Amino acid sequence: MTGGPGALGAFQQYLLQRVGEQVVLGARRRLIRRMLRLPMAEYDHRRPADLVPRLTSDATMLRVALAQGLVAALGAPSPSPAP
């Protein structure tokens, strides 16, 4: 099987994205679990309509920062942004 440098770069990018997505998924799960355990009084001060977009935007920022950090640390080609 011959892959060459292009195949190695594609595999490395796949691994970086896979690890990044797993980290973000874990963070989202922990944050949602924490939100569900908040006392009801907390929702009197903060509307769920404000908390949910904040949660998703923070997870997106974590994904971008993680991808850039891994790429910089490993010297891999920059991954294309996820939609």
PDB file of N, CA and C in Angstrom:
ATOM      1  N   MET A   1       0.842  -1.183   0.000  1.00  0.00           N
ATOM      2  CA  MET A   1       0.000   0.000   0.000  1.00  0.00           C
ATOM      3  C   MET A   1       0.882   1.240   0.000  1.00  0.00           C
ATOM      4  N   THR A   2       0.659   2.112  -0.932  1.00  0.00           N
ATOM      5  CA  THR A   2       1.427   3.345  -0.992  1.00  0.00           C
ATOM      6  C   THR A   2       0.495   4.504  -0.685  1.00  0.00           C
ATOM      7  N   GLY A   3       0.939   5.343   0.205  1.00  0.00           N
ATOM      8  CA  GLY A   3       0.098   6.471   0.586  1.00  0.00           C
ATOM      9  C   GLY A   3       0.762   7.797   0.305  1.00  0.00           C
ATOM     10  N   GLY A   4       2.042   7.856   0.574  1.00  0.00           N
ATOM     11  CA  GLY A   4       2.762   9.101   0.347  1.00  0.00           C
ATOM     12  C   GLY A   4       2.463  10.137   1.409  1.00  0.00           C
ATOM     13  N   PRO A   5       3.100  11.300   1.267  1.00  0.00           N
ATOM     14  CA  PRO A   5       2.938  12.358   2.254  1.00  0.00           C
ATOM     15  C   PRO A   5       1.517  12.923   2.315  1.00  0.00           C
ATOM     16  N   GLY A   6       0.817  12.932   1.193  1.00  0.00           N
ATOM     17  CA  GLY A   6      -0.552  13.454   1.183  1.00  0.00           C
ATOM     18  C   GLY A   6      -1.483  12.617   2.046  1.00  0.00           C
ATOM     19  N   ALA A   7      -1.343  11.302   1.951  1.00  0.00           N
ATOM     20  CA  ALA A   7      -2.181  10.404   2.745  1.00  0.00           C
ATOM     21  C   ALA A   7      -1.839  10.542   4.227  1.00  0.00           C
ATOM     22  N   LEU A   8      -0.566  10.684   4.534  1.00  0.00           N
ATOM     23  CA  LEU A   8      -0.155  10.850   5.929  1.00  0.00           C
ATOM     24  C   LEU A   8      -0.713  12.148   6.496  1.00  0.00           C
ATOM     25  N   GLY A   9      -0.658  13.213   5.716  1.00  0.00           N
ATOM     26  CA  GLY A   9      -1.202  14.495   6.167  1.00  0.00           C
ATOM     27  C   GLY A   9      -2.702  14.429   6.373  1.00  0.00           C
ATOM     28  N   ALA A  10      -3.387  13.735   5.477  1.00  0.00           N
ATOM     29  CA  ALA A  10      -4.840  13.591   5.610  1.00  0.00           C
ATOM     30  C   ALA A  10      -5.182  12.776   6.846  1.00  0.00           C
ATOM     31  N   PHE A  11      -4.430  11.716   7.101  1.00  0.00           N
ATOM     32  CA  PHE A  11      -4.671  10.888   8.287  1.00  0.00           C
ATOM     33  C   PHE A  11      -4.386  11.678   9.559  1.00  0.00           C
ATOM     34  N   GLN A  12      -3.318  12.460   9.547  1.00  0.00           N
ATOM     35  CA  GLN A  12      -2.970  13.276  10.709  1.00  0.00           C
ATOM     36  C   GLN A  12      -4.070  14.310  10.968  1.00  0.00           C
ATOM     37  N   GLN A  13      -4.583  14.914   9.910  1.00  0.00           N
ATOM     38  CA  GLN A  13      -5.661  15.889  10.061  1.00  0.00           C
ATOM     39  C   GLN A  13      -6.917  15.209  10.608  1.00  0.00           C
ATOM     40  N   TYR A  14      -7.210  14.012  10.125  1.00  0.00           N
ATOM     41  CA  TYR A  14      -8.355  13.256  10.627  1.00  0.00           C
ATOM     42  C   TYR A  14      -8.213  12.995  12.130  1.00  0.00           C
ATOM     43  N   LEU A  15      -7.024  12.558  12.541  1.00  0.00           N
ATOM     44  CA  LEU A  15      -6.797  12.280  13.958  1.00  0.00           C
ATOM     45  C   LEU A  15      -6.939  13.539  14.812  1.00  0.00           C
ATOM     46  N   LEU A  16      -6.399  14.658  14.324  1.00  0.00           N
ATOM     47  CA  LEU A  16      -6.520  15.916  15.058  1.00  0.00           C
ATOM     48  C   LEU A  16      -7.981  16.309  15.227  1.00  0.00           C
ATOM     49  N   GLN A  17      -8.752  16.189  14.156  1.00  0.00           N
ATOM     50  CA  GLN A  17     -10.161  16.550  14.236  1.00  0.00           C
ATOM     51  C   GLN A  17     -10.910  15.596  15.147  1.00  0.00           C
ATOM     52  N   ARG A  18     -10.584  14.332  15.090  1.00  0.00           N
ATOM     53  CA  ARG A  18     -11.254  13.328  15.930  1.00  0.00           C
ATOM     54  C   ARG A  18     -10.989  13.594  17.409  1.00  0.00           C
ATOM     55  N   VAL A  19      -9.755  13.840  17.756  1.00  0.00           N
ATOM     56  CA  VAL A  19      -9.406  14.134  19.151  1.00  0.00           C
ATOM     57  C   VAL A  19     -10.094  15.419  19.599  1.00  0.00           C
ATOM     58  N   GLY A  20     -10.053  16.439  18.756  1.00  0.00           N
ATOM     59  CA  GLY A  20     -10.691  17.709  19.087  1.00  0.00           C
ATOM     60  C   GLY A  20     -12.182  17.562  19.324  1.00  0.00           C
ATOM     61  N   GLU A  21     -12.852  16.790  18.475  1.00  0.00           N
ATOM     62  CA  GLU A  21     -14.294  16.587  18.630  1.00  0.00           C
ATOM     63  C   GLU A  21     -14.610  15.817  19.910  1.00  0.00           C
ATOM     64  N   GLN A  22     -13.770  14.869  20.270  1.00  0.00           N
ATOM     65  CA  GLN A  22     -13.990  14.116  21.499  1.00  0.00           C
ATOM     66  C   GLN A  22     -13.837  15.011  22.727  1.00  0.00           C
ATOM     67  N   VAL A  23     -12.861  15.901  22.701  1.00  0.00           N
ATOM     68  CA  VAL A  23     -12.667  16.831  23.813  1.00  0.00           C
ATOM     69  C   VAL A  23     -13.866  17.769  23.941  1.00  0.00           C
ATOM     70  N   VAL A  24     -14.328  18.302  22.812  1.00  0.00           N
ATOM     71  CA  VAL A  24     -15.474  19.212  22.822  1.00  0.00           C
ATOM     72  C   VAL A  24     -16.734  18.481  23.280  1.00  0.00           C
ATOM     73  N   LEU A  25     -16.927  17.262  22.808  1.00  0.00           N
ATOM     74  CA  LEU A  25     -18.094  16.481  23.221  1.00  0.00           C
ATOM     75  C   LEU A  25     -18.088  16.252  24.727  1.00  0.00           C
ATOM     76  N   GLY A  26     -16.951  15.894  25.277  1.00  0.00           N
ATOM     77  CA  GLY A  26     -16.840  15.697  26.716  1.00  0.00           C
ATOM     78  C   GLY A  26     -17.138  16.973  27.489  1.00  0.00           C
ATOM     79  N   ALA A  27     -16.620  18.087  26.999  1.00  0.00           N
ATOM     80  CA  ALA A  27     -16.872  19.370  27.663  1.00  0.00           C
ATOM     81  C   ALA A  27     -18.351  19.731  27.610  1.00  0.00           C
ATOM     82  N   ARG A  28     -18.980  19.522  26.458  1.00  0.00           N
ATOM     83  CA  ARG A  28     -20.411  19.817  26.343  1.00  0.00           C
ATOM     84  C   ARG A  28     -21.230  18.952  27.291  1.00  0.00           C
ATOM     85  N   ARG A  29     -20.890  17.691  27.363  1.00  0.00           N
ATOM     86  CA  ARG A  29     -21.631  16.797  28.262  1.00  0.00           C
ATOM     87  C   ARG A  29     -21.499  17.237  29.718  1.00  0.00           C
ATOM     88  N   ARG A  30     -20.292  17.596  30.120  1.00  0.00           N
ATOM     89  CA  ARG A  30     -20.090  18.055  31.505  1.00  0.00           C
ATOM     90  C   ARG A  30     -20.853  19.349  31.780  1.00  0.00           C
ATOM     91  N   LEU A  31     -20.826  20.263  30.824  1.00  0.00           N
ATOM     92  CA  LEU A  31     -21.530  21.532  31.013  1.00  0.00           C
ATOM     93  C   LEU A  31     -23.043  21.339  31.069  1.00  0.00           C
ATOM     94  N   ILE A  32     -23.565  20.487  30.220  1.00  0.00           N
ATOM     95  CA  ILE A  32     -25.003  20.230  30.243  1.00  0.00           C
ATOM     96  C   ILE A  32     -25.398  19.551  31.549  1.00  0.00           C
ATOM     97  N   ARG A  33     -24.603  18.581  31.990  1.00  0.00           N
ATOM     98  CA  ARG A  33     -24.870  17.930  33.275  1.00  0.00           C
ATOM     99  C   ARG A  33     -24.888  18.958  34.406  1.00  0.00           C
ATOM    100  N   ARG A  34     -23.942  19.872  34.345  1.00  0.00           N
ATOM    101  CA  ARG A  34     -23.883  20.906  35.382  1.00  0.00           C
ATOM    102  C   ARG A  34     -25.099  21.826  35.322  1.00  0.00           C
ATOM    103  N   MET A  35     -25.510  22.193  34.107  1.00  0.00           N
ATOM    104  CA  MET A  35     -26.696  23.046  33.956  1.00  0.00           C
ATOM    105  C   MET A  35     -27.943  22.367  34.502  1.00  0.00           C
ATOM    106  N   LEU A  36     -28.049  21.061  34.268  1.00  0.00           N
ATOM    107  CA  LEU A  36     -29.225  20.338  34.742  1.00  0.00           C
ATOM    108  C   LEU A  36     -29.261  20.197  36.254  1.00  0.00           C
ATOM    109  N   ARG A  37     -28.121  20.336  36.891  1.00  0.00           N
ATOM    110  CA  ARG A  37     -28.049  20.232  38.351  1.00  0.00           C
ATOM    111  C   ARG A  37     -28.166  21.575  39.070  1.00  0.00           C
ATOM    112  N   LEU A  38     -28.253  22.653  38.311  1.00  0.00           N
ATOM    113  CA  LEU A  38     -28.388  23.969  38.934  1.00  0.00           C
ATOM    114  C   LEU A  38     -29.714  24.057  39.677  1.00  0.00           C
ATOM    115  N   PRO A  39     -29.734  24.765  40.783  1.00  0.00           N
ATOM    116  CA  PRO A  39     -31.008  24.962  41.479  1.00  0.00           C
ATOM    117  C   PRO A  39     -31.946  25.804  40.620  1.00  0.00           C
ATOM    118  N   MET A  40     -33.232  25.613  40.792  1.00  0.00           N
ATOM    119  CA  MET A  40     -34.217  26.338  39.990  1.00  0.00           C
ATOM    120  C   MET A  40     -34.084  27.854  40.163  1.00  0.00           C
ATOM    121  N   ALA A  41     -33.642  28.293  41.328  1.00  0.00           N
ATOM    122  CA  ALA A  41     -33.469  29.727  41.572  1.00  0.00           C
ATOM    123  C   ALA A  41     -32.464  30.343  40.590  1.00  0.00           C
ATOM    124  N   GLU A  42     -31.521  29.546  40.140  1.00  0.00           N
ATOM    125  CA  GLU A  42     -30.528  30.045  39.177  1.00  0.00           C
ATOM    126  C   GLU A  42     -31.201  30.466  37.871  1.00  0.00           C
ATOM    127  N   TYR A  43     -32.249  29.754  37.497  1.00  0.00           N
ATOM    128  CA  TYR A  43     -32.959  30.077  36.255  1.00  0.00           C
ATOM    129  C   TYR A  43     -33.854  31.306  36.408  1.00  0.00           C
ATOM    130  N   ASP A  44     -34.074  31.738  37.645  1.00  0.00           N
ATOM    131  CA  ASP A  44     -34.778  32.999  37.850  1.00  0.00           C
ATOM    132  C   ASP A  44     -33.882  34.182  37.485  1.00  0.00           C
ATOM    133  N   HIS A  45     -32.577  34.002  37.677  1.00  0.00           N
ATOM    134  CA  HIS A  45     -31.615  35.079  37.391  1.00  0.00           C
ATOM    135  C   HIS A  45     -31.113  35.037  35.950  1.00  0.00           C
ATOM    136  N   ARG A  46     -31.035  33.847  35.397  1.00  0.00           N
ATOM    137  CA  ARG A  46     -30.523  33.679  34.031  1.00  0.00           C
ATOM    138  C   ARG A  46     -31.527  32.874  33.224  1.00  0.00           C
ATOM    139  N   ARG A  47     -31.884  33.402  32.102  1.00  0.00           N
ATOM    140  CA  ARG A  47     -32.854  32.705  31.247  1.00  0.00           C
ATOM    141  C   ARG A  47     -32.157  31.576  30.493  1.00  0.00           C
ATOM    142  N   PRO A  48     -32.827  30.422  30.345  1.00  0.00           N
ATOM    143  CA  PRO A  48     -32.239  29.340  29.544  1.00  0.00           C
ATOM    144  C   PRO A  48     -31.934  29.788  28.112  1.00  0.00           C
ATOM    145  N   ALA A  49     -32.719  30.722  27.594  1.00  0.00           N
ATOM    146  CA  ALA A  49     -32.462  31.233  26.242  1.00  0.00           C
ATOM    147  C   ALA A  49     -31.132  31.973  26.168  1.00  0.00           C
ATOM    148  N   ASP A  50     -30.604  32.430  27.306  1.00  0.00           N
ATOM    149  CA  ASP A  50     -29.285  33.068  27.338  1.00  0.00           C
ATOM    150  C   ASP A  50     -28.182  32.033  27.583  1.00  0.00           C
ATOM    151  N   LEU A  51     -28.496  30.996  28.343  1.00  0.00           N
ATOM    152  CA  LEU A  51     -27.480  30.008  28.704  1.00  0.00           C
ATOM    153  C   LEU A  51     -27.126  29.064  27.559  1.00  0.00           C
ATOM    154  N   VAL A  52     -28.116  28.611  26.822  1.00  0.00           N
ATOM    155  CA  VAL A  52     -27.865  27.614  25.777  1.00  0.00           C
ATOM    156  C   VAL A  52     -26.979  28.171  24.656  1.00  0.00           C
ATOM    157  N   PRO A  53     -27.272  29.356  24.110  1.00  0.00           N
ATOM    158  CA  PRO A  53     -26.353  29.887  23.084  1.00  0.00           C
ATOM    159  C   PRO A  53     -24.941  30.121  23.625  1.00  0.00           C
ATOM    160  N   ARG A  54     -24.848  30.501  24.868  1.00  0.00           N
ATOM    161  CA  ARG A  54     -23.531  30.699  25.477  1.00  0.00           C
ATOM    162  C   ARG A  54     -22.767  29.379  25.535  1.00  0.00           C
ATOM    163  N   LEU A  55     -23.472  28.335  25.899  1.00  0.00           N
ATOM    164  CA  LEU A  55     -22.868  27.011  25.968  1.00  0.00           C
ATOM    165  C   LEU A  55     -22.357  26.573  24.603  1.00  0.00           C
ATOM    166  N   THR A  56     -23.163  26.739  23.579  1.00  0.00           N
ATOM    167  CA  THR A  56     -22.742  26.304  22.244  1.00  0.00           C
ATOM    168  C   THR A  56     -21.609  27.170  21.689  1.00  0.00           C
ATOM    169  N   SER A  57     -21.657  28.466  21.937  1.00  0.00           N
ATOM    170  CA  SER A  57     -20.572  29.321  21.430  1.00  0.00           C
ATOM    171  C   SER A  57     -19.265  29.027  22.160  1.00  0.00           C
ATOM    172  N   ASP A  58     -19.332  28.749  23.464  1.00  0.00           N
ATOM    173  CA  ASP A  58     -18.120  28.402  24.204  1.00  0.00           C
ATOM    174  C   ASP A  58     -17.526  27.090  23.696  1.00  0.00           C
ATOM    175  N   ALA A  59     -18.384  26.126  23.384  1.00  0.00           N
ATOM    176  CA  ALA A  59     -17.894  24.848  22.859  1.00  0.00           C
ATOM    177  C   ALA A  59     -17.260  25.049  21.490  1.00  0.00           C
ATOM    178  N   THR A  60     -17.820  25.917  20.676  1.00  0.00           N
ATOM    179  CA  THR A  60     -17.244  26.198  19.363  1.00  0.00           C
ATOM    180  C   THR A  60     -15.884  26.871  19.508  1.00  0.00           C
ATOM    181  N   MET A  61     -15.781  27.811  20.420  1.00  0.00           N
ATOM    182  CA  MET A  61     -14.494  28.478  20.652  1.00  0.00           C
ATOM    183  C   MET A  61     -13.462  27.480  21.175  1.00  0.00           C
ATOM    184  N   LEU A  62     -13.888  26.547  22.017  1.00  0.00           N
ATOM    185  CA  LEU A  62     -12.982  25.512  22.517  1.00  0.00           C
ATOM    186  C   LEU A  62     -12.477  24.652  21.363  1.00  0.00           C
ATOM    187  N   ARG A  63     -13.358  24.292  20.437  1.00  0.00           N
ATOM    188  CA  ARG A  63     -12.974  23.476  19.281  1.00  0.00           C
ATOM    189  C   ARG A  63     -11.920  24.196  18.446  1.00  0.00           C
ATOM    190  N   VAL A  64     -12.140  25.456  18.173  1.00  0.00           N
ATOM    191  CA  VAL A  64     -11.203  26.230  17.353  1.00  0.00           C
ATOM    192  C   VAL A  64      -9.854  26.362  18.061  1.00  0.00           C
ATOM    193  N   ALA A  65      -9.877  26.705  19.329  1.00  0.00           N
ATOM    194  CA  ALA A  65      -8.629  26.870  20.082  1.00  0.00           C
ATOM    195  C   ALA A  65      -7.863  25.557  20.170  1.00  0.00           C
ATOM    196  N   LEU A  66      -8.573  24.475  20.397  1.00  0.00           N
ATOM    197  CA  LEU A  66      -7.926  23.178  20.485  1.00  0.00           C
ATOM    198  C   LEU A  66      -7.302  22.788  19.152  1.00  0.00           C
ATOM    199  N   ALA A  67      -8.037  22.970  18.070  1.00  0.00           N
ATOM    200  CA  ALA A  67      -7.512  22.622  16.744  1.00  0.00           C
ATOM    201  C   ALA A  67      -6.275  23.445  16.421  1.00  0.00           C
ATOM    202  N   GLN A  68      -6.317  24.736  16.693  1.00  0.00           N
ATOM    203  CA  GLN A  68      -5.167  25.594  16.400  1.00  0.00           C
ATOM    204  C   GLN A  68      -3.972  25.217  17.273  1.00  0.00           C
ATOM    205  N   GLY A  69      -4.240  24.900  18.536  1.00  0.00           N
ATOM    206  CA  GLY A  69      -3.156  24.515  19.436  1.00  0.00           C
ATOM    207  C   GLY A  69      -2.502  23.208  19.029  1.00  0.00           C
ATOM    208  N   LEU A  70      -3.310  22.232  18.651  1.00  0.00           N
ATOM    209  CA  LEU A  70      -2.750  20.951  18.213  1.00  0.00           C
ATOM    210  C   LEU A  70      -1.978  21.099  16.915  1.00  0.00           C
ATOM    211  N   VAL A  71      -2.518  21.878  16.006  1.00  0.00           N
ATOM    212  CA  VAL A  71      -1.835  22.094  14.732  1.00  0.00           C
ATOM    213  C   VAL A  71      -0.492  22.776  14.976  1.00  0.00           C
ATOM    214  N   ALA A  72      -0.486  23.787  15.825  1.00  0.00           N
ATOM    215  CA  ALA A  72       0.763  24.501  16.114  1.00  0.00           C
ATOM    216  C   ALA A  72       1.765  23.586  16.823  1.00  0.00           C
ATOM    217  N   ALA A  73       1.273  22.764  17.745  1.00  0.00           N
ATOM    218  CA  ALA A  73       2.168  21.891  18.510  1.00  0.00           C
ATOM    219  C   ALA A  73       2.766  20.794  17.641  1.00  0.00           C
ATOM    220  N   LEU A  74       1.989  20.282  16.722  1.00  0.00           N
ATOM    221  CA  LEU A  74       2.457  19.171  15.899  1.00  0.00           C
ATOM    222  C   LEU A  74       3.006  19.599  14.551  1.00  0.00           C
ATOM    223  N   GLY A  75       2.796  20.853  14.195  1.00  0.00           N
ATOM    224  CA  GLY A  75       3.278  21.333  12.906  1.00  0.00           C
ATOM    225  C   GLY A  75       2.514  20.729  11.748  1.00  0.00           C
ATOM    226  N   ALA A  76       1.262  20.353  11.995  1.00  0.00           N
ATOM    227  CA  ALA A  76       0.432  19.747  10.955  1.00  0.00           C
ATOM    228  C   ALA A  76      -0.160  20.834  10.075  1.00  0.00           C
ATOM    229  N   PRO A  77      -0.622  20.449   8.880  1.00  0.00           N
ATOM    230  CA  PRO A  77      -1.305  21.433   8.050  1.00  0.00           C
ATOM    231  C   PRO A  77      -2.582  21.894   8.736  1.00  0.00           C
ATOM    232  N   SER A  78      -2.923  23.144   8.575  1.00  0.00           N
ATOM    233  CA  SER A  78      -4.077  23.719   9.242  1.00  0.00           C
ATOM    234  C   SER A  78      -5.372  23.055   8.779  1.00  0.00           C
ATOM    235  N   PRO A  79      -6.204  22.546   9.741  1.00  0.00           N
ATOM    236  CA  PRO A  79      -7.457  21.913   9.348  1.00  0.00           C
ATOM    237  C   PRO A  79      -8.458  22.951   8.863  1.00  0.00           C
ATOM    238  N   SER A  80      -9.295  22.544   7.931  1.00  0.00           N
ATOM    239  CA  SER A  80     -10.334  23.446   7.457  1.00  0.00           C
ATOM    240  C   SER A  80     -11.398  23.560   8.528  1.00  0.00           C
ATOM    241  N   PRO A  81     -11.989  24.767   8.700  1.00  0.00           N
ATOM    242  CA  PRO A  81     -12.986  24.963   9.757  1.00  0.00           C
ATOM    243  C   PRO A  81     -14.233  24.138   9.482  1.00  0.00           C
ATOM    244  N   ALA A  82     -14.806  23.609  10.581  1.00  0.00           N
ATOM    245  CA  ALA A  82     -16.048  22.845  10.482  1.00  0.00           C
ATOM    246  C   ALA A  82     -17.219  23.820  10.326  1.00  0.00           C
ATOM    247  N   PRO A  83     -18.235  23.408   9.582  1.00  0.00           N
ATOM    248  CA  PRO A  83     -19.398  24.315   9.404  1.00  0.00           C
ATOM    249  C   PRO A  83     -20.173  24.496  10.681  1.00  0.00           C
TER     250      PRO A  83
END
